[in-house]
Amino acid sequence: MEQQKKNRQKNYQYKMTINVNMAIGIIKEDLIHMALEDNTEKREVIFKAIIQAIANNIVPIRENRHYPRSKKHPAIKYPITKKRSY
């Protein structure tokens, strides 16, 4: 919520949204640490860190971005090395 207010102040050209791929990766790693922690204060710190990390990974929503797809060789259809992930 606070991050959305900060983003409004930055006057981005496009509307921004959370990068879902990065959010899943962050949650996948840090939620386990939070669940295993016995101390509730440390849990809160970890939870706030998760929220902050997710809020920092934002991407623009660009309207009318529908380009024709080119036919590629099936072996390089989904190159793992080119995907941005956590």
N, C-alpha and C. Protein backbone atom coordinates (compact mmCIF):
# COMPACT_ATOMS: atom_id res chain seq x y z
N MET A 1 0.83 -1.18 0.00
CA MET A 1 0.00 0.00 0.00
C MET A 1 0.88 1.25 0.00
N GLU A 2 1.88 1.27 0.87
CA GLU A 2 2.77 2.42 0.93
C GLU A 2 3.56 2.56 -0.37
N GLN A 3 3.94 1.42 -0.93
CA GLN A 3 4.72 1.44 -2.17
C GLN A 3 3.87 2.01 -3.30
N GLN A 4 2.57 1.72 -3.32
CA GLN A 4 1.70 2.27 -4.35
C GLN A 4 1.63 3.79 -4.24
N LYS A 5 1.59 4.31 -3.02
CA LYS A 5 1.57 5.75 -2.83
C LYS A 5 2.87 6.38 -3.32
N LYS A 6 3.99 5.70 -3.05
CA LYS A 6 5.28 6.21 -3.51
C LYS A 6 5.36 6.20 -5.04
N ASN A 7 4.80 5.14 -5.65
CA ASN A 7 4.83 5.03 -7.10
C ASN A 7 3.98 6.11 -7.75
N ARG A 8 2.88 6.49 -7.12
CA ARG A 8 2.05 7.57 -7.66
C ARG A 8 2.81 8.88 -7.67
N GLN A 9 3.66 9.08 -6.70
CA GLN A 9 4.42 10.32 -6.62
C GLN A 9 5.52 10.38 -7.67
N LYS A 10 5.96 9.23 -8.18
CA LYS A 10 7.05 9.21 -9.15
C LYS A 10 6.59 9.59 -10.56
N ASN A 11 5.29 9.61 -10.80
CA ASN A 11 4.73 9.98 -12.11
C ASN A 11 5.30 9.14 -13.24
N TYR A 12 5.07 7.84 -13.17
CA TYR A 12 5.50 6.95 -14.23
C TYR A 12 4.68 7.23 -15.49
N GLN A 13 5.27 6.91 -16.63
CA GLN A 13 4.56 7.09 -17.89
C GLN A 13 3.41 6.09 -18.00
N TYR A 14 3.63 4.86 -17.53
CA TYR A 14 2.63 3.81 -17.60
C TYR A 14 2.18 3.43 -16.19
N LYS A 15 1.03 2.79 -16.12
CA LYS A 15 0.58 2.24 -14.85
C LYS A 15 1.48 1.05 -14.52
N MET A 16 1.85 0.93 -13.25
CA MET A 16 2.79 -0.11 -12.84
C MET A 16 2.06 -1.22 -12.09
N THR A 17 2.61 -2.44 -12.18
CA THR A 17 2.08 -3.59 -11.46
C THR A 17 3.24 -4.44 -10.96
N ILE A 18 2.94 -5.34 -10.07
CA ILE A 18 3.96 -6.21 -9.48
C ILE A 18 4.39 -7.24 -10.52
N ASN A 19 5.69 -7.54 -10.56
CA ASN A 19 6.22 -8.59 -11.40
C ASN A 19 5.90 -9.92 -10.72
N VAL A 20 4.93 -10.65 -11.26
CA VAL A 20 4.42 -11.86 -10.62
C VAL A 20 5.49 -12.95 -10.56
N ASN A 21 6.31 -13.08 -11.60
CA ASN A 21 7.34 -14.10 -11.62
C ASN A 21 8.33 -13.90 -10.48
N MET A 22 8.75 -12.66 -10.26
CA MET A 22 9.67 -12.37 -9.17
C MET A 22 8.99 -12.53 -7.82
N ALA A 23 7.72 -12.16 -7.72
CA ALA A 23 6.98 -12.29 -6.46
C ALA A 23 6.87 -13.75 -6.04
N ILE A 24 6.61 -14.63 -6.99
CA ILE A 24 6.52 -16.06 -6.67
C ILE A 24 7.86 -16.57 -6.17
N GLY A 25 8.94 -16.17 -6.81
CA GLY A 25 10.27 -16.60 -6.38
C GLY A 25 10.62 -16.10 -4.99
N ILE A 26 10.28 -14.86 -4.70
CA ILE A 26 10.57 -14.30 -3.37
C ILE A 26 9.77 -15.03 -2.31
N ILE A 27 8.49 -15.25 -2.56
CA ILE A 27 7.64 -15.94 -1.60
C ILE A 27 8.10 -17.38 -1.40
N LYS A 28 8.49 -18.02 -2.50
CA LYS A 28 8.91 -19.41 -2.44
C LYS A 28 10.09 -19.60 -1.48
N GLU A 29 11.01 -18.68 -1.48
CA GLU A 29 12.18 -18.81 -0.62
C GLU A 29 11.93 -18.30 0.80
N ASP A 30 11.39 -17.11 0.92
CA ASP A 30 11.32 -16.46 2.22
C ASP A 30 10.16 -16.93 3.09
N LEU A 31 9.10 -17.42 2.50
CA LEU A 31 7.96 -17.87 3.29
C LEU A 31 8.32 -19.09 4.12
N ILE A 32 9.20 -19.93 3.61
CA ILE A 32 9.66 -21.10 4.36
C ILE A 32 10.43 -20.66 5.60
N HIS A 33 11.31 -19.67 5.43
CA HIS A 33 12.07 -19.16 6.57
C HIS A 33 11.13 -18.56 7.62
N MET A 34 10.11 -17.89 7.15
CA MET A 34 9.16 -17.27 8.07
C MET A 34 8.36 -18.34 8.83
N ALA A 35 7.97 -19.39 8.15
CA ALA A 35 7.19 -20.45 8.79
C ALA A 35 8.01 -21.22 9.82
N LEU A 36 9.30 -21.36 9.58
CA LEU A 36 10.16 -22.11 10.49
C LEU A 36 10.61 -21.29 11.69
N GLU A 37 10.43 -19.99 11.64
CA GLU A 37 10.88 -19.12 12.73
C GLU A 37 9.92 -19.20 13.91
N ASP A 38 10.47 -19.37 15.12
CA ASP A 38 9.66 -19.46 16.33
C ASP A 38 9.34 -18.09 16.92
N ASN A 39 10.26 -17.17 16.79
CA ASN A 39 10.10 -15.84 17.37
C ASN A 39 9.14 -15.01 16.51
N THR A 40 8.08 -14.49 17.12
CA THR A 40 7.08 -13.74 16.35
C THR A 40 7.62 -12.40 15.85
N GLU A 41 8.53 -11.80 16.60
CA GLU A 41 9.11 -10.53 16.15
C GLU A 41 9.94 -10.72 14.88
N LYS A 42 10.70 -11.81 14.85
CA LYS A 42 11.50 -12.11 13.65
C LYS A 42 10.59 -12.44 12.47
N ARG A 43 9.46 -13.10 12.75
CA ARG A 43 8.49 -13.39 11.69
C ARG A 43 7.97 -12.10 11.07
N GLU A 44 7.65 -11.14 11.91
CA GLU A 44 7.16 -9.86 11.41
C GLU A 44 8.21 -9.16 10.57
N VAL A 45 9.47 -9.23 10.99
CA VAL A 45 10.55 -8.60 10.23
C VAL A 45 10.69 -9.28 8.87
N ILE A 46 10.64 -10.61 8.86
CA ILE A 46 10.75 -11.35 7.60
C ILE A 46 9.56 -11.03 6.70
N PHE A 47 8.36 -10.96 7.28
CA PHE A 47 7.16 -10.65 6.50
C PHE A 47 7.26 -9.27 5.86
N LYS A 48 7.71 -8.28 6.63
CA LYS A 48 7.87 -6.93 6.09
C LYS A 48 8.92 -6.90 4.99
N ALA A 49 9.98 -7.70 5.15
CA ALA A 49 11.02 -7.78 4.12
C ALA A 49 10.47 -8.40 2.84
N ILE A 50 9.61 -9.41 2.98
CA ILE A 50 8.98 -10.04 1.81
C ILE A 50 8.12 -9.02 1.07
N ILE A 51 7.29 -8.30 1.81
CA ILE A 51 6.41 -7.30 1.20
C ILE A 51 7.22 -6.22 0.50
N GLN A 52 8.29 -5.77 1.13
CA GLN A 52 9.13 -4.72 0.54
C GLN A 52 9.82 -5.21 -0.73
N ALA A 53 10.33 -6.45 -0.71
CA ALA A 53 11.00 -7.00 -1.88
C ALA A 53 10.03 -7.15 -3.05
N ILE A 54 8.81 -7.59 -2.77
CA ILE A 54 7.81 -7.73 -3.83
C ILE A 54 7.42 -6.36 -4.37
N ALA A 55 7.26 -5.39 -3.48
CA ALA A 55 6.85 -4.05 -3.91
C ALA A 55 7.93 -3.35 -4.73
N ASN A 56 9.18 -3.73 -4.55
CA ASN A 56 10.27 -3.11 -5.31
C ASN A 56 10.38 -3.65 -6.73
N ASN A 57 9.81 -4.82 -7.00
CA ASN A 57 9.86 -5.42 -8.33
C ASN A 57 8.57 -5.11 -9.08
N ILE A 58 8.55 -3.96 -9.74
CA ILE A 58 7.37 -3.56 -10.49
C ILE A 58 7.71 -3.44 -11.98
N VAL A 59 6.71 -3.66 -12.79
CA VAL A 59 6.88 -3.55 -14.24
C VAL A 59 5.72 -2.72 -14.80
N PRO A 60 5.94 -2.03 -15.93
CA PRO A 60 4.87 -1.21 -16.51
C PRO A 60 3.84 -2.05 -17.26
N ILE A 61 2.61 -1.57 -17.26
CA ILE A 61 1.55 -2.17 -18.07
C ILE A 61 1.45 -1.32 -19.32
N ARG A 62 1.84 -1.87 -20.44
CA ARG A 62 1.82 -1.12 -21.70
C ARG A 62 0.60 -1.55 -22.51
N GLU A 63 -0.22 -0.59 -22.87
CA GLU A 63 -1.43 -0.87 -23.64
C GLU A 63 -1.08 -1.14 -25.10
N ASN A 64 -1.93 -1.92 -25.77
CA ASN A 64 -1.81 -2.20 -27.21
C ASN A 64 -0.46 -2.78 -27.58
N ARG A 65 0.02 -3.75 -26.82
CA ARG A 65 1.29 -4.40 -27.11
C ARG A 65 1.03 -5.79 -27.68
N HIS A 66 0.45 -5.85 -28.83
CA HIS A 66 0.14 -7.12 -29.47
C HIS A 66 0.88 -7.18 -30.80
N TYR A 67 2.05 -7.78 -30.77
CA TYR A 67 2.86 -7.89 -31.97
C TYR A 67 2.72 -9.29 -32.55
N PRO A 68 2.84 -9.43 -33.87
CA PRO A 68 2.75 -10.77 -34.47
C PRO A 68 3.91 -11.64 -34.00
N ARG A 69 3.61 -12.90 -33.74
CA ARG A 69 4.63 -13.83 -33.28
C ARG A 69 5.32 -14.46 -34.47
N SER A 70 6.63 -14.57 -34.38
CA SER A 70 7.39 -15.21 -35.45
C SER A 70 7.56 -16.69 -35.13
N LYS A 71 7.56 -17.51 -36.17
CA LYS A 71 7.73 -18.95 -35.99
C LYS A 71 9.20 -19.23 -35.74
N LYS A 72 9.48 -19.96 -34.67
CA LYS A 72 10.86 -20.28 -34.32
C LYS A 72 11.03 -21.79 -34.25
N HIS A 73 12.27 -22.19 -34.24
CA HIS A 73 12.59 -23.61 -34.10
C HIS A 73 12.11 -24.08 -32.72
N PRO A 74 11.47 -25.25 -32.62
CA PRO A 74 10.93 -25.70 -31.33
C PRO A 74 11.98 -25.83 -30.22
N ALA A 75 13.21 -26.09 -30.58
CA ALA A 75 14.25 -26.28 -29.57
C ALA A 75 14.55 -24.98 -28.83
N ILE A 76 14.33 -23.85 -29.50
CA ILE A 76 14.61 -22.57 -28.85
C ILE A 76 13.31 -21.79 -28.58
N LYS A 77 12.22 -22.52 -28.45
CA LYS A 77 10.93 -21.88 -28.27
C LYS A 77 10.85 -21.15 -26.93
N TYR A 78 11.33 -21.78 -25.88
CA TYR A 78 11.32 -21.17 -24.55
C TYR A 78 12.72 -21.24 -23.95
N PRO A 79 13.62 -20.36 -24.36
CA PRO A 79 14.98 -20.44 -23.83
C PRO A 79 15.03 -20.05 -22.36
N ILE A 80 15.44 -20.98 -21.54
CA ILE A 80 15.49 -20.76 -20.10
C ILE A 80 16.50 -19.68 -19.75
N THR A 81 17.57 -19.58 -20.50
CA THR A 81 18.61 -18.62 -20.18
C THR A 81 18.18 -17.18 -20.41
N LYS A 82 17.13 -16.96 -21.16
CA LYS A 82 16.66 -15.61 -21.45
C LYS A 82 15.55 -15.14 -20.52
N LYS A 83 14.97 -16.05 -19.75
CA LYS A 83 13.87 -15.69 -18.86
C LYS A 83 14.40 -15.05 -17.59
N ARG A 84 13.76 -13.98 -17.17
CA ARG A 84 14.13 -13.34 -15.91
C ARG A 84 13.31 -13.99 -14.81
N SER A 85 13.98 -14.60 -13.89
CA SER A 85 13.28 -15.22 -12.77
C SER A 85 14.13 -15.09 -11.53
N TYR A 86 13.56 -15.49 -10.44
CA TYR A 86 14.24 -15.33 -9.16
C TYR A 86 15.23 -16.42 -8.94
